[in-house]
């Protein structure tokens, strides 16, 4: 509901109240749901536990993101040593892990994730208690209207003397004392129910499984990279050896050719000298 709609709704309610007040005296009250939640012990304790769990989920996501970022850096550093097929495989593996991380994030923090679901479960028992107490107070104290300050109706101005939040809290406290053996039910029991559905082991199973796969993939990549480097060194050595052999052969051929030319020149000179001696005789 937009702010204009809220204001219009409140003004309509106000005019309706003013019309009635012209006929007789009326009683109006309101409750501050946020204030009530902050002062209900069971809700406060359960909310603190939920906050700790949320922090753990965030740390798991940060750890998973760190693994993926490192995989991307490793791929960039080793790209020159990898074949196109290996590069494609590692890119696909990174995409799979990113998809799994996104799904996990949605499971925890999405619109229908664990965080939203658990907040609803924490608030619902308190809202039910508030509703019951408001009904009692409204009937016993002869209230005509009781609004929720934190609901959709915009409270443009509220006189503190109309705030019955403390009255509601006292009523909730009395109800808890009457049912002392079950006083820890409500918000806290809802949290414990949620805990029962998902134990600590179950919470981390998916992350641990992904981390194990990432570790195995990292070991495989390290082995592959080492094998690639060894293969590159072997190829270089073979090329170097082949080059040295070709160079040696070329030098030998040049040397043999040079010796042959010298021998040919020497033989030709001896022949010319012999012919010259015959002519002189």
C-alpha atoms as a PDB file:
ATOM      1  CA  UNK A   1       0.000   0.000   0.000  1.00  0.00           C
ATOM      2  CA  UNK A   2       1.432   3.410  -1.046  1.00  0.00           C
ATOM      3  CA  UNK A   3       1.880   6.340   1.331  1.00  0.00           C
ATOM      4  CA  UNK A   4      -0.996   8.273  -0.292  1.00  0.00           C
ATOM      5  CA  UNK A   5      -3.366   5.317   0.124  1.00  0.00           C
ATOM      6  CA  UNK A   6      -2.328   4.936   3.764  1.00  0.00           C
ATOM      7  CA  UNK A   7      -2.949   8.624   4.481  1.00  0.00           C
ATOM      8  CA  UNK A   8      -6.326   8.485   2.717  1.00  0.00           C
ATOM      9  CA  UNK A   9      -7.329   5.418   4.713  1.00  0.00           C
ATOM     10  CA  UNK A  10      -6.334   7.064   7.973  1.00  0.00           C
ATOM     11  CA  UNK A  11      -8.148  10.315   7.130  1.00  0.00           C
ATOM     12  CA  UNK A  12     -11.284   8.328   6.257  1.00  0.00           C
ATOM     13  CA  UNK A  13     -11.092   6.519   9.587  1.00  0.00           C
ATOM     14  CA  UNK A  14     -10.524   9.836  11.375  1.00  0.00           C
ATOM     15  CA  UNK A  15     -13.582  11.450   9.778  1.00  0.00           C
ATOM     16  CA  UNK A  16     -15.635   8.407  10.685  1.00  0.00           C
ATOM     17  CA  UNK A  17     -14.450   8.667  14.279  1.00  0.00           C
ATOM     18  CA  UNK A  18     -15.152  12.413  14.323  1.00  0.00           C
ATOM     19  CA  UNK A  19     -18.713  11.781  13.142  1.00  0.00           C
ATOM     20  CA  UNK A  20     -19.290   9.302  15.948  1.00  0.00           C
ATOM     21  CA  UNK A  21     -17.635  11.578  18.518  1.00  0.00           C
ATOM     22  CA  UNK A  22     -20.148  14.272  17.677  1.00  0.00           C
ATOM     23  CA  UNK A  23     -22.840  11.925  18.937  1.00  0.00           C
ATOM     24  CA  UNK A  24     -21.063  10.468  22.006  1.00  0.00           C
ATOM     25  CA  UNK A  25     -17.659  10.208  23.699  1.00  0.00           C
ATOM     26  CA  UNK A  26     -15.414   7.540  22.157  1.00  0.00           C
ATOM     27  CA  UNK A  27     -12.238   5.785  23.289  1.00  0.00           C
ATOM     28  CA  UNK A  28      -9.303   5.298  20.917  1.00  0.00           C
ATOM     29  CA  UNK A  29      -6.078   3.409  21.551  1.00  0.00           C
ATOM     30  CA  UNK A  30      -3.151   2.084  19.597  1.00  0.00           C
ATOM     31  CA  UNK A  31      -0.353  -0.461  20.030  1.00  0.00           C
ATOM     32  CA  UNK A  32       3.262  -0.282  18.844  1.00  0.00           C
ATOM     33  CA  UNK A  33       4.048  -3.790  17.592  1.00  0.00           C
ATOM     34  CA  UNK A  34       7.780  -3.113  17.241  1.00  0.00           C
ATOM     35  CA  UNK A  35       7.965  -1.926  20.846  1.00  0.00           C
ATOM     36  CA  UNK A  36       6.061  -5.008  22.041  1.00  0.00           C
ATOM     37  CA  UNK A  37       8.351  -7.398  20.138  1.00  0.00           C
ATOM     38  CA  UNK A  38      11.448  -5.752  21.620  1.00  0.00           C
ATOM     39  CA  UNK A  39      10.071  -6.324  25.115  1.00  0.00           C
ATOM     40  CA  UNK A  40       8.974  -9.957  24.807  1.00  0.00           C
ATOM     41  CA  UNK A  41      11.812 -12.062  26.232  1.00  0.00           C
ATOM     42  CA  UNK A  42      11.126 -15.217  24.211  1.00  0.00           C
ATOM     43  CA  UNK A  43      11.060 -13.287  20.940  1.00  0.00           C
ATOM     44  CA  UNK A  44      14.220 -11.366  21.813  1.00  0.00           C
ATOM     45  CA  UNK A  45      16.148 -14.545  22.686  1.00  0.00           C
ATOM     46  CA  UNK A  46      14.976 -16.394  19.586  1.00  0.00           C
ATOM     47  CA  UNK A  47      15.759 -13.383  17.405  1.00  0.00           C
ATOM     48  CA  UNK A  48      19.321 -13.295  18.775  1.00  0.00           C
ATOM     49  CA  UNK A  49      19.735 -16.981  17.918  1.00  0.00           C
ATOM     50  CA  UNK A  50      18.415 -16.320  14.431  1.00  0.00           C
ATOM     51  CA  UNK A  51      20.866 -13.414  14.019  1.00  0.00           C
ATOM     52  CA  UNK A  52      23.751 -15.754  14.929  1.00  0.00           C
ATOM     53  CA  UNK A  53      22.540 -18.280  12.373  1.00  0.00           C
ATOM     54  CA  UNK A  54      22.235 -15.581   9.703  1.00  0.00           C
ATOM     55  CA  UNK A  55      25.825 -14.538  10.397  1.00  0.00           C
ATOM     56  CA  UNK A  56      26.929 -18.157   9.911  1.00  0.00           C
ATOM     57  CA  UNK A  57      25.085 -18.361   6.591  1.00  0.00           C
ATOM     58  CA  UNK A  58      26.817 -15.164   5.442  1.00  0.00           C
ATOM     59  CA  UNK A  59      30.240 -16.548   6.416  1.00  0.00           C
ATOM     60  CA  UNK A  60      29.535 -19.738   4.449  1.00  0.00           C
ATOM     61  CA  UNK A  61      28.590 -17.664   1.401  1.00  0.00           C
ATOM     62  CA  UNK A  62      31.726 -15.519   1.777  1.00  0.00           C
ATOM     63  CA  UNK A  63      33.873 -18.664   1.976  1.00  0.00           C
ATOM     64  CA  UNK A  64      32.235 -20.130  -1.109  1.00  0.00           C
ATOM     65  CA  UNK A  65      32.720 -16.850  -2.995  1.00  0.00           C
ATOM     66  CA  UNK A  66      36.398 -16.834  -1.988  1.00  0.00           C
ATOM     67  CA  UNK A  67      36.862 -20.338  -3.435  1.00  0.00           C
ATOM     68  CA  UNK A  68      35.236 -19.310  -6.724  1.00  0.00           C
ATOM     69  CA  UNK A  69      37.297 -16.103  -6.952  1.00  0.00           C
ATOM     70  CA  UNK A  70      40.499 -18.102  -6.397  1.00  0.00           C
ATOM     71  CA  UNK A  71      39.472 -20.570  -9.114  1.00  0.00           C
ATOM     72  CA  UNK A  72      39.029 -17.650 -11.532  1.00  0.00           C
ATOM     73  CA  UNK A  73      42.471 -16.243 -10.643  1.00  0.00           C
ATOM     74  CA  UNK A  74      44.100 -19.666 -11.075  1.00  0.00           C
ATOM     75  CA  UNK A  75      42.452 -20.076 -14.464  1.00  0.00           C
ATOM     76  CA  UNK A  76      43.721 -16.687 -15.652  1.00  0.00           C
ATOM     77  CA  UNK A  77      47.250 -17.486 -14.458  1.00  0.00           C
ATOM     78  CA  UNK A  78      47.373 -20.951 -16.052  1.00  0.00           C
ATOM     79  CA  UNK A  79      45.441 -20.219 -19.234  1.00  0.00           C
ATOM     80  CA  UNK A  80      48.546 -20.121 -21.439  1.00  0.00           C
ATOM     81  CA  UNK A  81      49.449 -23.673 -20.389  1.00  0.00           C
ATOM     82  CA  UNK A  82      45.985 -25.182 -20.905  1.00  0.00           C
ATOM     83  CA  UNK A  83      44.257 -26.556 -23.956  1.00  0.00           C
ATOM     84  CA  UNK A  84      40.954 -25.082 -25.128  1.00  0.00           C
ATOM     85  CA  UNK A  85      39.169 -28.175 -23.831  1.00  0.00           C
ATOM     86  CA  UNK A  86      40.633 -27.809 -20.318  1.00  0.00           C
ATOM     87  CA  UNK A  87      39.828 -24.089 -20.258  1.00  0.00           C
ATOM     88  CA  UNK A  88      36.217 -24.836 -21.238  1.00  0.00           C
ATOM     89  CA  UNK A  89      35.916 -27.526 -18.536  1.00  0.00           C
ATOM     90  CA  UNK A  90      37.185 -25.207 -15.801  1.00  0.00           C
ATOM     91  CA  UNK A  91      34.937 -22.349 -16.926  1.00  0.00           C
ATOM     92  CA  UNK A  92      31.953 -24.719 -16.820  1.00  0.00           C
ATOM     93  CA  UNK A  93      32.954 -25.881 -13.335  1.00  0.00           C
ATOM     94  CA  UNK A  94      33.119 -22.267 -12.122  1.00  0.00           C
ATOM     95  CA  UNK A  95      29.670 -21.567 -13.592  1.00  0.00           C
ATOM     96  CA  UNK A  96      28.229 -24.617 -11.805  1.00  0.00           C
ATOM     97  CA  UNK A  97      29.649 -23.478  -8.455  1.00  0.00           C
ATOM     98  CA  UNK A  98      28.334 -19.940  -9.028  1.00  0.00           C
ATOM     99  CA  UNK A  99      24.856 -21.351  -9.747  1.00  0.00           C
ATOM    100  CA  UNK A 100      24.987 -23.485  -6.586  1.00  0.00           C
ATOM    101  CA  UNK A 101      26.080 -20.470  -4.530  1.00  0.00           C
ATOM    102  CA  UNK A 102      23.205 -18.380  -5.953  1.00  0.00           C
ATOM    103  CA  UNK A 103      20.701 -21.157  -5.156  1.00  0.00           C
ATOM    104  CA  UNK A 104      22.029 -21.401  -1.601  1.00  0.00           C
ATOM    105  CA  UNK A 105      21.754 -17.625  -1.208  1.00  0.00           C
ATOM    106  CA  UNK A 106      18.126 -17.736  -2.387  1.00  0.00           C
ATOM    107  CA  UNK A 107      17.372 -20.655  -0.046  1.00  0.00           C
ATOM    108  CA  UNK A 108      18.628 -18.607   2.895  1.00  0.00           C
ATOM    109  CA  UNK A 109      17.898 -14.961   2.037  1.00  0.00           C
ATOM    110  CA  UNK A 110      15.431 -15.071  -0.877  1.00  0.00           C
ATOM    111  CA  UNK A 111      11.795 -13.894  -0.735  1.00  0.00           C
ATOM    112  CA  UNK A 112      10.715 -17.363   0.440  1.00  0.00           C
ATOM    113  CA  UNK A 113      14.015 -18.270   2.091  1.00  0.00           C
ATOM    114  CA  UNK A 114      14.772 -19.495   5.595  1.00  0.00           C
ATOM    115  CA  UNK A 115      15.307 -15.985   6.987  1.00  0.00           C
ATOM    116  CA  UNK A 116      11.889 -14.685   5.897  1.00  0.00           C
ATOM    117  CA  UNK A 117      10.177 -17.913   6.934  1.00  0.00           C
ATOM    118  CA  UNK A 118      11.737 -17.907  10.388  1.00  0.00           C
ATOM    119  CA  UNK A 119      10.927 -14.236  11.002  1.00  0.00           C
ATOM    120  CA  UNK A 120       7.307 -15.010  10.230  1.00  0.00           C
ATOM    121  CA  UNK A 121       7.374 -17.907  12.682  1.00  0.00           C
ATOM    122  CA  UNK A 122       8.929 -15.739  15.372  1.00  0.00           C
ATOM    123  CA  UNK A 123       6.432 -12.914  14.992  1.00  0.00           C
ATOM    124  CA  UNK A 124       3.234 -14.920  14.484  1.00  0.00           C
ATOM    125  CA  UNK A 125       2.880 -16.249  18.095  1.00  0.00           C
ATOM    126  CA  UNK A 126       3.449 -12.746  19.505  1.00  0.00           C
ATOM    127  CA  UNK A 127       0.952 -11.260  17.059  1.00  0.00           C
ATOM    128  CA  UNK A 128      -1.604 -13.857  18.165  1.00  0.00           C
ATOM    129  CA  UNK A 129      -1.008 -12.973  21.827  1.00  0.00           C
ATOM    130  CA  UNK A 130      -1.259  -9.255  21.072  1.00  0.00           C
ATOM    131  CA  UNK A 131      -4.507  -9.798  19.183  1.00  0.00           C
ATOM    132  CA  UNK A 132      -6.000 -11.763  22.090  1.00  0.00           C
ATOM    133  CA  UNK A 133      -4.957  -9.143  24.645  1.00  0.00           C
ATOM    134  CA  UNK A 134      -6.263  -6.300  22.463  1.00  0.00           C
ATOM    135  CA  UNK A 135      -9.633  -8.061  22.255  1.00  0.00           C
ATOM    136  CA  UNK A 136      -9.745  -8.379  26.063  1.00  0.00           C
ATOM    137  CA  UNK A 137      -8.642  -4.791  26.664  1.00  0.00           C
ATOM    138  CA  UNK A 138     -11.032  -3.456  24.044  1.00  0.00           C
ATOM    139  CA  UNK A 139     -13.959  -5.270  25.653  1.00  0.00           C
ATOM    140  CA  UNK A 140     -13.032  -4.586  29.304  1.00  0.00           C
ATOM    141  CA  UNK A 141     -11.966  -0.942  28.852  1.00  0.00           C
ATOM    142  CA  UNK A 142     -14.756  -0.106  26.419  1.00  0.00           C
ATOM    143  CA  UNK A 143     -12.465   0.999  23.569  1.00  0.00           C
ATOM    144  CA  UNK A 144     -14.141   1.873  20.283  1.00  0.00           C
ATOM    145  CA  UNK A 145     -10.971   1.666  18.109  1.00  0.00           C
ATOM    146  CA  UNK A 146      -7.499   0.226  18.655  1.00  0.00           C
ATOM    147  CA  UNK A 147      -4.972   0.751  15.841  1.00  0.00           C
ATOM    148  CA  UNK A 148      -1.593  -0.857  15.157  1.00  0.00           C
ATOM    149  CA  UNK A 149       0.950   1.956  14.879  1.00  0.00           C
ATOM    150  CA  UNK A 150       3.348  -0.151  12.782  1.00  0.00           C
ATOM    151  CA  UNK A 151       0.641  -1.415  10.375  1.00  0.00           C
ATOM    152  CA  UNK A 152      -0.491   0.071   7.051  1.00  0.00           C
ATOM    153  CA  UNK A 153      -2.508   2.891   8.634  1.00  0.00           C
ATOM    154  CA  UNK A 154      -0.232   5.936   8.841  1.00  0.00           C
ATOM    155  CA  UNK A 155      -0.256   7.581  12.274  1.00  0.00           C
ATOM    156  CA  UNK A 156       0.317  11.217  11.378  1.00  0.00           C
ATOM    157  CA  UNK A 157       0.099  12.099  15.068  1.00  0.00           C
ATOM    158  CA  UNK A 158      -0.449   9.971  18.167  1.00  0.00           C
ATOM    159  CA  UNK A 159      -0.923  11.143  21.734  1.00  0.00           C
ATOM    160  CA  UNK A 160       1.106   8.972  24.121  1.00  0.00           C
ATOM    161  CA  UNK A 161      -1.828   8.591  26.518  1.00  0.00           C
ATOM    162  CA  UNK A 162      -3.604   6.553  23.829  1.00  0.00           C
ATOM    163  CA  UNK A 163      -0.698   4.069  23.623  1.00  0.00           C
ATOM    164  CA  UNK A 164      -1.788   0.812  25.289  1.00  0.00           C
ATOM    165  CA  UNK A 165       1.346  -1.173  24.326  1.00  0.00           C
ATOM    166  CA  UNK A 166       2.489  -1.512  27.962  1.00  0.00           C
ATOM    167  CA  UNK A 167      -1.001  -2.615  28.908  1.00  0.00           C
ATOM    168  CA  UNK A 168      -0.814  -5.340  26.256  1.00  0.00           C
ATOM    169  CA  UNK A 169       2.649  -6.396  27.483  1.00  0.00           C
ATOM    170  CA  UNK A 170       1.366  -6.725  31.048  1.00  0.00           C
ATOM    171  CA  UNK A 171      -1.521  -8.814  29.800  1.00  0.00           C
ATOM    172  CA  UNK A 172       0.852 -11.106  27.865  1.00  0.00           C
ATOM    173  CA  UNK A 173       3.064 -11.395  30.961  1.00  0.00           C
ATOM    174  CA  UNK A 174       0.088 -12.382  33.137  1.00  0.00           C
ATOM    175  CA  UNK A 175      -0.967 -15.001  30.604  1.00  0.00           C
ATOM    176  CA  UNK A 176       2.555 -16.484  30.569  1.00  0.00           C
ATOM    177  CA  UNK A 177       2.607 -16.674  34.381  1.00  0.00           C
ATOM    178  CA  UNK A 178      -0.749 -18.424  34.468  1.00  0.00           C
ATOM    179  CA  UNK A 179       0.539 -21.014  32.004  1.00  0.00           C
ATOM    180  CA  UNK A 180       4.031 -21.157  33.581  1.00  0.00           C
ATOM    181  CA  UNK A 181       4.880 -24.745  32.474  1.00  0.00           C
ATOM    182  CA  UNK A 182       4.361 -23.669  28.866  1.00  0.00           C
ATOM    183  CA  UNK A 183       5.655 -20.109  29.052  1.00  0.00           C
ATOM    184  CA  UNK A 184       8.625 -20.880  26.843  1.00  0.00           C
ATOM    185  CA  UNK A 185       6.308 -21.793  24.003  1.00  0.00           C
ATOM    186  CA  UNK A 186       5.407 -19.189  21.382  1.00  0.00           C
ATOM    187  CA  UNK A 187       8.241 -17.442  19.588  1.00  0.00           C
ATOM    188  CA  UNK A 188      11.019 -19.537  21.116  1.00  0.00           C
ATOM    189  CA  UNK A 189       9.269 -22.860  20.481  1.00  0.00           C
ATOM    190  CA  UNK A 190       8.770 -21.763  16.895  1.00  0.00           C
ATOM    191  CA  UNK A 191      12.498 -21.221  16.568  1.00  0.00           C
ATOM    192  CA  UNK A 192      13.202 -24.620  18.134  1.00  0.00           C
ATOM    193  CA  UNK A 193      10.761 -26.189  15.675  1.00  0.00           C
ATOM    194  CA  UNK A 194      12.712 -24.595  12.864  1.00  0.00           C
ATOM    195  CA  UNK A 195      15.933 -25.906  14.423  1.00  0.00           C
ATOM    196  CA  UNK A 196      14.444 -29.384  14.457  1.00  0.00           C
ATOM    197  CA  UNK A 197      13.718 -29.212  10.763  1.00  0.00           C
ATOM    198  CA  UNK A 198      17.264 -28.257   9.928  1.00  0.00           C
ATOM    199  CA  UNK A 199      20.104 -29.350  12.242  1.00  0.00           C
ATOM    200  CA  UNK A 200      23.583 -27.845  12.239  1.00  0.00           C
ATOM    201  CA  UNK A 201      24.850 -30.748  10.165  1.00  0.00           C
ATOM    202  CA  UNK A 202      22.128 -30.318   7.571  1.00  0.00           C
ATOM    203  CA  UNK A 203      22.754 -26.588   7.359  1.00  0.00           C
ATOM    204  CA  UNK A 204      26.339 -27.057   6.196  1.00  0.00           C
ATOM    205  CA  UNK A 205      25.993 -30.285   4.213  1.00  0.00           C
ATOM    206  CA  UNK A 206      25.476 -28.566   0.871  1.00  0.00           C
ATOM    207  CA  UNK A 207      28.333 -26.123   1.444  1.00  0.00           C
ATOM    208  CA  UNK A 208      30.693 -28.873   2.647  1.00  0.00           C
ATOM    209  CA  UNK A 209      29.846 -31.010  -0.361  1.00  0.00           C
ATOM    210  CA  UNK A 210      30.556 -28.132  -2.735  1.00  0.00           C
ATOM    211  CA  UNK A 211      33.789 -27.316  -0.929  1.00  0.00           C
ATOM    212  CA  UNK A 212      34.909 -30.965  -1.171  1.00  0.00           C
ATOM    213  CA  UNK A 213      34.164 -30.981  -4.889  1.00  0.00           C
ATOM    214  CA  UNK A 214      36.036 -27.707  -5.275  1.00  0.00           C
ATOM    215  CA  UNK A 215      38.995 -29.169  -3.361  1.00  0.00           C
ATOM    216  CA  UNK A 216      39.064 -32.270  -5.545  1.00  0.00           C
ATOM    217  CA  UNK A 217      38.796 -30.134  -8.659  1.00  0.00           C
ATOM    218  CA  UNK A 218      41.631 -27.930  -7.397  1.00  0.00           C
ATOM    219  CA  UNK A 219      43.835 -30.981  -6.810  1.00  0.00           C
ATOM    220  CA  UNK A 220      42.997 -32.271 -10.278  1.00  0.00           C
ATOM    221  CA  UNK A 221      43.798 -28.866 -11.771  1.00  0.00           C
ATOM    222  CA  UNK A 222      47.105 -28.718  -9.904  1.00  0.00           C
ATOM    223  CA  UNK A 223      48.016 -32.175 -11.171  1.00  0.00           C
ATOM    224  CA  UNK A 224      46.969 -31.251 -14.701  1.00  0.00           C
ATOM    225  CA  UNK A 225      48.927 -27.996 -14.553  1.00  0.00           C
ATOM    226  CA  UNK A 226      52.036 -29.830 -13.354  1.00  0.00           C
ATOM    227  CA  UNK A 227      51.636 -32.424 -16.092  1.00  0.00           C
ATOM    228  CA  UNK A 228      51.211 -29.633 -18.647  1.00  0.00           C
ATOM    229  CA  UNK A 229      54.324 -27.858 -17.392  1.00  0.00           C
ATOM    230  CA  UNK A 230      56.287 -31.132 -17.508  1.00  0.00           C
ATOM    231  CA  UNK A 231      55.033 -31.754 -21.041  1.00  0.00           C
ATOM    232  CA  UNK A 232      56.026 -28.235 -22.080  1.00  0.00           C
ATOM    233  CA  UNK A 233      59.515 -28.742 -20.633  1.00  0.00           C
ATOM    234  CA  UNK A 234      59.836 -32.099 -22.401  1.00  0.00           C
ATOM    235  CA  UNK A 235      58.816 -30.547 -25.715  1.00  0.00           C
ATOM    236  CA  UNK A 236      61.292 -27.691 -25.207  1.00  0.00           C
ATOM    237  CA  UNK A 237      64.092 -30.137 -24.415  1.00  0.00           C
ATOM    238  CA  UNK A 238      63.268 -32.231 -27.465  1.00  0.00           C
ATOM    239  CA  UNK A 239      63.217 -29.138 -29.666  1.00  0.00           C
ATOM    240  CA  UNK A 240      66.489 -27.953 -28.175  1.00  0.00           C
ATOM    241  CA  UNK A 241      68.060 -31.379 -28.695  1.00  0.00           C
ATOM    242  CA  UNK A 242      66.789 -31.540 -32.292  1.00  0.00           C
ATOM    243  CA  UNK A 243      68.137 -28.040 -32.921  1.00  0.00           C
ATOM    244  CA  UNK A 244      71.551 -28.982 -31.521  1.00  0.00           C
ATOM    245  CA  UNK A 245      71.617 -32.133 -33.651  1.00  0.00           C
ATOM    246  CA  UNK A 246      70.677 -30.177 -36.792  1.00  0.00           C
ATOM    247  CA  UNK A 247      73.270 -27.541 -35.979  1.00  0.00           C
ATOM    248  CA  UNK A 248      75.939 -30.188 -35.392  1.00  0.00           C
ATOM    249  CA  UNK A 249      75.052 -31.962 -38.635  1.00  0.00           C
ATOM    250  CA  UNK A 250      75.111 -28.675 -40.545  1.00  0.00           C
ATOM    251  CA  UNK A 251      78.527 -27.808 -39.149  1.00  0.00           C
ATOM    252  CA  UNK A 252      79.818 -31.271 -40.041  1.00  0.00           C
ATOM    253  CA  UNK A 253      78.454 -30.942 -43.570  1.00  0.00           C
ATOM    254  CA  UNK A 254      80.026 -27.515 -43.930  1.00  0.00           C
ATOM    255  CA  UNK A 255      83.348 -28.816 -42.627  1.00  0.00           C
ATOM    256  CA  UNK A 256      83.257 -31.812 -44.985  1.00  0.00           C
ATOM    257  CA  UNK A 257      82.427 -29.533 -47.897  1.00  0.00           C
ATOM    258  CA  UNK A 258      85.247 -27.175 -46.968  1.00  0.00           C
ATOM    259  CA  UNK A 259      87.742 -30.063 -46.773  1.00  0.00           C
ATOM    260  CA  UNK A 260      86.547 -31.424 -50.098  1.00  0.00           C
ATOM    261  CA  UNK A 261      86.951 -28.033 -51.755  1.00  0.00           C
ATOM    262  CA  UNK A 262      90.452 -27.726 -50.297  1.00  0.00           C
ATOM    263  CA  UNK A 263      91.335 -31.195 -51.541  1.00  0.00           C
ATOM    264  CA  UNK A 264      89.945 -30.403 -54.968  1.00  0.00           C
ATOM    265  CA  UNK A 265      91.887 -27.153 -55.139  1.00  0.00           C
ATOM    266  CA  UNK A 266      95.035 -28.914 -53.912  1.00  0.00           C
ATOM    267  CA  UNK A 267      94.641 -31.709 -56.509  1.00  0.00           C
ATOM    268  CA  UNK A 268      94.055 -29.202 -59.281  1.00  0.00           C
ATOM    269  CA  UNK A 269      97.168 -27.270 -58.320  1.00  0.00           C
ATOM    270  CA  UNK A 270      99.286 -30.445 -58.296  1.00  0.00           C
ATOM    271  CA  UNK A 271      97.971 -31.322 -61.739  1.00  0.00           C
ATOM    272  CA  UNK A 272      98.777 -27.855 -63.066  1.00  0.00           C
ATOM    273  CA  UNK A 273     102.300 -28.040 -61.604  1.00  0.00           C
ATOM    274  CA  UNK A 274     102.837 -31.432 -63.240  1.00  0.00           C
ATOM    275  CA  UNK A 275     101.701 -30.115 -66.623  1.00  0.00           C
ATOM    276  CA  UNK A 276     103.982 -27.110 -66.266  1.00  0.00           C
ATOM    277  CA  UNK A 277     106.986 -29.364 -65.597  1.00  0.00           C
ATOM    278  CA  UNK A 278     106.292 -31.411 -68.729  1.00  0.00           C
ATOM    279  CA  UNK A 279     106.112 -28.254 -70.851  1.00  0.00           C
ATOM    280  CA  UNK A 280     109.471 -27.022 -69.552  1.00  0.00           C
ATOM    281  CA  UNK A 281     111.123 -30.284 -70.543  1.00  0.00           C
END
